Structures are given as C-alpha cells and as structure tokens.
Amino acid sequence: KDESGKYAIMSPVKTSALAVAGTKPSEDYRIHTVVHGDTLWAIAKKYLGNGSRYKEIVSLNGLKSNVIYSGMKLKIPNK
C-alpha cells in the first residue's frame, strides 16, 4: 500500500527510462555528412566549440583512425 492507504504498483523500471508511446526518444547526437576538405578537428570546432574534442567524434563513431572520407555520415555528440 502507498501512503494514502491505497494499493500501489511497484516496478524496478526507472521512470526516466520510459518514453510515451509513439514518440521518438531524444538523440544524444546529430549527424554530419563529411564534405571535401572537412577534418575531424574542424568538425569538432564547429559543433562542439573546441577542435581538440575530435576524439569524442572518433569514439562515438567507432573509428579506427582519424581518416574520414566525403560522404561519410558521422555522429556528432550534442554539447
């Protein structure tokens, strides 16, 4: 029973992990399509405000090196 004396349902699920049916969960990233001349440093500076944060982009995308190609779709972490 809850504090009011009525029955309550207990659940091990965190309410913060739930979403309203039919809604899109919030994304933790945006997508950037690489164009000729882009560098990870420049992309990080543009979206994250600091070029040295390029490692976050590398990590989020599971890149094995710092080489990127035109047409690649990179996940960019939200600030």
N, C-alpha and C. Protein backbone atom coordinates (compact mmCIF):
# COMPACT_ATOMS: atom_id res chain seq x y z
N LYS A 1 0.84 -1.19 0.00
CA LYS A 1 0.00 0.00 0.00
C LYS A 1 0.88 1.25 0.00
N ASP A 2 0.37 2.33 -0.60
CA ASP A 2 1.11 3.59 -0.58
C ASP A 2 0.72 4.41 0.65
N GLU A 3 1.21 5.64 0.72
CA GLU A 3 0.99 6.49 1.89
C GLU A 3 -0.49 6.78 2.16
N SER A 4 -1.31 6.80 1.11
CA SER A 4 -2.73 7.13 1.28
C SER A 4 -3.55 5.91 1.71
N GLY A 5 -2.90 4.75 1.80
CA GLY A 5 -3.61 3.56 2.19
C GLY A 5 -4.14 2.76 1.01
N LYS A 6 -3.95 3.28 -0.20
CA LYS A 6 -4.39 2.57 -1.40
C LYS A 6 -3.26 1.71 -1.90
N TYR A 7 -3.62 0.78 -2.73
CA TYR A 7 -2.60 -0.10 -3.29
C TYR A 7 -1.79 0.63 -4.37
N ALA A 8 -0.53 0.37 -4.42
CA ALA A 8 0.35 0.98 -5.41
C ALA A 8 1.10 -0.13 -6.14
N ILE A 9 1.49 0.14 -7.35
CA ILE A 9 2.26 -0.82 -8.13
C ILE A 9 3.74 -0.44 -8.01
N MET A 10 4.54 -1.40 -7.66
CA MET A 10 5.98 -1.18 -7.57
C MET A 10 6.63 -1.76 -8.82
N SER A 11 7.61 -1.07 -9.35
CA SER A 11 8.27 -1.54 -10.56
C SER A 11 9.77 -1.27 -10.46
N PRO A 12 10.60 -2.23 -10.91
CA PRO A 12 12.05 -2.00 -10.90
C PRO A 12 12.52 -1.11 -12.06
N VAL A 13 11.60 -0.69 -12.92
CA VAL A 13 11.95 0.13 -14.08
C VAL A 13 12.02 1.60 -13.66
N LYS A 14 13.10 2.25 -14.04
CA LYS A 14 13.24 3.68 -13.74
C LYS A 14 12.30 4.46 -14.65
N THR A 15 11.54 5.37 -14.10
CA THR A 15 10.61 6.15 -14.91
C THR A 15 11.35 7.01 -15.92
N SER A 16 12.59 7.38 -15.63
CA SER A 16 13.38 8.19 -16.57
C SER A 16 13.72 7.40 -17.84
N ALA A 17 13.63 6.06 -17.78
CA ALA A 17 13.95 5.23 -18.94
C ALA A 17 12.73 5.01 -19.82
N LEU A 18 11.57 5.50 -19.40
CA LEU A 18 10.34 5.30 -20.15
C LEU A 18 10.09 6.45 -21.12
N ALA A 19 9.40 6.15 -22.21
CA ALA A 19 9.01 7.17 -23.18
C ALA A 19 7.55 6.98 -23.52
N VAL A 20 6.89 8.04 -23.90
CA VAL A 20 5.50 7.97 -24.30
C VAL A 20 5.43 7.23 -25.63
N ALA A 21 4.49 6.29 -25.74
CA ALA A 21 4.35 5.52 -26.97
C ALA A 21 4.11 6.45 -28.15
N GLY A 22 4.81 6.16 -29.25
CA GLY A 22 4.64 6.96 -30.46
C GLY A 22 5.57 8.16 -30.53
N THR A 23 6.38 8.38 -29.52
CA THR A 23 7.32 9.49 -29.57
C THR A 23 8.71 8.96 -29.88
N LYS A 24 9.52 9.80 -30.43
CA LYS A 24 10.89 9.43 -30.77
C LYS A 24 11.78 9.76 -29.58
N PRO A 25 12.60 8.80 -29.11
CA PRO A 25 13.49 9.12 -27.99
C PRO A 25 14.48 10.21 -28.38
N SER A 26 14.86 11.03 -27.43
CA SER A 26 15.80 12.09 -27.74
C SER A 26 17.16 11.49 -28.11
N GLU A 27 17.77 12.07 -29.10
CA GLU A 27 19.07 11.60 -29.58
C GLU A 27 20.17 12.26 -28.77
N ASP A 28 21.25 11.54 -28.58
CA ASP A 28 22.41 12.09 -27.89
C ASP A 28 23.42 12.65 -28.88
N TYR A 29 23.04 12.66 -30.15
CA TYR A 29 23.95 13.11 -31.18
C TYR A 29 23.18 13.64 -32.38
N ARG A 30 23.89 14.34 -33.25
CA ARG A 30 23.34 14.78 -34.55
C ARG A 30 24.22 14.14 -35.62
N ILE A 31 23.81 14.24 -36.86
CA ILE A 31 24.56 13.64 -37.97
C ILE A 31 25.18 14.74 -38.82
N HIS A 32 26.45 14.54 -39.18
CA HIS A 32 27.15 15.44 -40.10
C HIS A 32 27.63 14.59 -41.27
N THR A 33 27.32 15.03 -42.49
CA THR A 33 27.82 14.35 -43.68
C THR A 33 29.11 15.04 -44.10
N VAL A 34 30.18 14.27 -44.15
CA VAL A 34 31.51 14.79 -44.47
C VAL A 34 31.56 15.28 -45.91
N VAL A 35 32.13 16.47 -46.11
CA VAL A 35 32.35 17.01 -47.45
C VAL A 35 33.84 17.19 -47.67
N HIS A 36 34.22 17.33 -48.93
CA HIS A 36 35.63 17.50 -49.28
C HIS A 36 36.22 18.67 -48.48
N GLY A 37 37.35 18.43 -47.84
CA GLY A 37 38.02 19.46 -47.07
C GLY A 37 37.73 19.41 -45.57
N ASP A 38 36.73 18.63 -45.17
CA ASP A 38 36.43 18.51 -43.74
C ASP A 38 37.57 17.79 -43.02
N THR A 39 37.79 18.17 -41.78
CA THR A 39 38.70 17.44 -40.89
C THR A 39 37.95 17.21 -39.59
N LEU A 40 38.36 16.21 -38.85
CA LEU A 40 37.72 15.95 -37.57
C LEU A 40 37.88 17.15 -36.64
N TRP A 41 39.05 17.78 -36.68
CA TRP A 41 39.30 18.96 -35.85
C TRP A 41 38.30 20.07 -36.19
N ALA A 42 38.13 20.35 -37.48
CA ALA A 42 37.22 21.43 -37.90
C ALA A 42 35.77 21.10 -37.55
N ILE A 43 35.39 19.84 -37.71
CA ILE A 43 34.02 19.43 -37.37
C ILE A 43 33.79 19.60 -35.87
N ALA A 44 34.76 19.16 -35.06
CA ALA A 44 34.64 19.30 -33.61
C ALA A 44 34.57 20.78 -33.21
N LYS A 45 35.36 21.60 -33.85
CA LYS A 45 35.35 23.03 -33.53
C LYS A 45 33.99 23.64 -33.88
N LYS A 46 33.44 23.26 -35.03
CA LYS A 46 32.16 23.80 -35.49
C LYS A 46 31.01 23.41 -34.56
N TYR A 47 30.92 22.13 -34.23
CA TYR A 47 29.78 21.64 -33.46
C TYR A 47 30.00 21.64 -31.95
N LEU A 48 31.23 21.40 -31.51
CA LEU A 48 31.50 21.24 -30.09
C LEU A 48 32.23 22.43 -29.48
N GLY A 49 32.66 23.38 -30.34
CA GLY A 49 33.29 24.60 -29.85
C GLY A 49 34.77 24.48 -29.57
N ASN A 50 35.35 23.28 -29.77
CA ASN A 50 36.76 23.08 -29.48
C ASN A 50 37.27 21.92 -30.33
N GLY A 51 38.23 22.21 -31.20
CA GLY A 51 38.77 21.20 -32.10
C GLY A 51 39.38 20.01 -31.40
N SER A 52 39.91 20.23 -30.21
CA SER A 52 40.56 19.12 -29.50
C SER A 52 39.57 18.07 -29.01
N ARG A 53 38.28 18.35 -29.15
CA ARG A 53 37.25 17.37 -28.76
C ARG A 53 36.96 16.38 -29.89
N TYR A 54 37.78 16.40 -30.96
CA TYR A 54 37.56 15.49 -32.09
C TYR A 54 37.57 14.03 -31.65
N LYS A 55 38.27 13.72 -30.55
CA LYS A 55 38.34 12.34 -30.07
C LYS A 55 36.96 11.81 -29.66
N GLU A 56 36.08 12.70 -29.25
CA GLU A 56 34.71 12.30 -28.90
C GLU A 56 33.98 11.80 -30.15
N ILE A 57 34.23 12.45 -31.28
CA ILE A 57 33.61 12.05 -32.55
C ILE A 57 34.18 10.70 -32.97
N VAL A 58 35.50 10.55 -32.87
CA VAL A 58 36.17 9.29 -33.21
C VAL A 58 35.56 8.16 -32.38
N SER A 59 35.44 8.37 -31.09
CA SER A 59 34.92 7.35 -30.18
C SER A 59 33.46 7.01 -30.47
N LEU A 60 32.62 8.03 -30.62
CA LEU A 60 31.19 7.81 -30.86
C LEU A 60 30.94 7.04 -32.14
N ASN A 61 31.81 7.23 -33.13
CA ASN A 61 31.62 6.57 -34.42
C ASN A 61 32.42 5.28 -34.55
N GLY A 62 33.19 4.94 -33.54
CA GLY A 62 33.97 3.70 -33.58
C GLY A 62 35.03 3.71 -34.66
N LEU A 63 35.58 4.89 -34.96
CA LEU A 63 36.60 4.99 -35.99
C LEU A 63 37.91 4.38 -35.51
N LYS A 64 38.61 3.70 -36.41
CA LYS A 64 39.89 3.08 -36.08
C LYS A 64 41.06 4.04 -36.32
N SER A 65 40.80 5.11 -37.08
CA SER A 65 41.83 6.12 -37.35
C SER A 65 41.16 7.48 -37.47
N ASN A 66 41.95 8.50 -37.74
CA ASN A 66 41.42 9.85 -37.90
C ASN A 66 41.09 10.18 -39.35
N VAL A 67 41.13 9.19 -40.22
CA VAL A 67 40.87 9.40 -41.65
C VAL A 67 39.36 9.38 -41.88
N ILE A 68 38.87 10.43 -42.55
CA ILE A 68 37.45 10.49 -42.92
C ILE A 68 37.35 10.75 -44.41
N TYR A 69 36.22 10.37 -44.99
CA TYR A 69 36.01 10.48 -46.43
C TYR A 69 34.72 11.23 -46.73
N SER A 70 34.71 11.94 -47.86
CA SER A 70 33.49 12.63 -48.31
C SER A 70 32.36 11.62 -48.38
N GLY A 71 31.21 12.04 -47.92
CA GLY A 71 30.02 11.18 -47.95
C GLY A 71 29.80 10.40 -46.67
N MET A 72 30.82 10.29 -45.81
CA MET A 72 30.64 9.59 -44.54
C MET A 72 29.62 10.35 -43.70
N LYS A 73 28.81 9.61 -42.97
CA LYS A 73 27.86 10.21 -42.04
C LYS A 73 28.40 9.98 -40.64
N LEU A 74 28.78 11.06 -39.98
CA LEU A 74 29.36 10.99 -38.65
C LEU A 74 28.36 11.43 -37.59
N LYS A 75 28.32 10.69 -36.50
CA LYS A 75 27.53 11.10 -35.34
C LYS A 75 28.35 12.15 -34.59
N ILE A 76 27.72 13.26 -34.26
CA ILE A 76 28.37 14.34 -33.51
C ILE A 76 27.65 14.46 -32.17
N PRO A 77 28.40 14.31 -31.07
CA PRO A 77 27.73 14.39 -29.76
C PRO A 77 27.10 15.77 -29.54
N ASN A 78 25.94 15.77 -28.91
CA ASN A 78 25.36 17.05 -28.52
C ASN A 78 26.20 17.64 -27.40
N LYS A 79 26.34 18.95 -27.41
CA LYS A 79 27.19 19.63 -26.43
C LYS A 79 26.79 19.21 -25.06
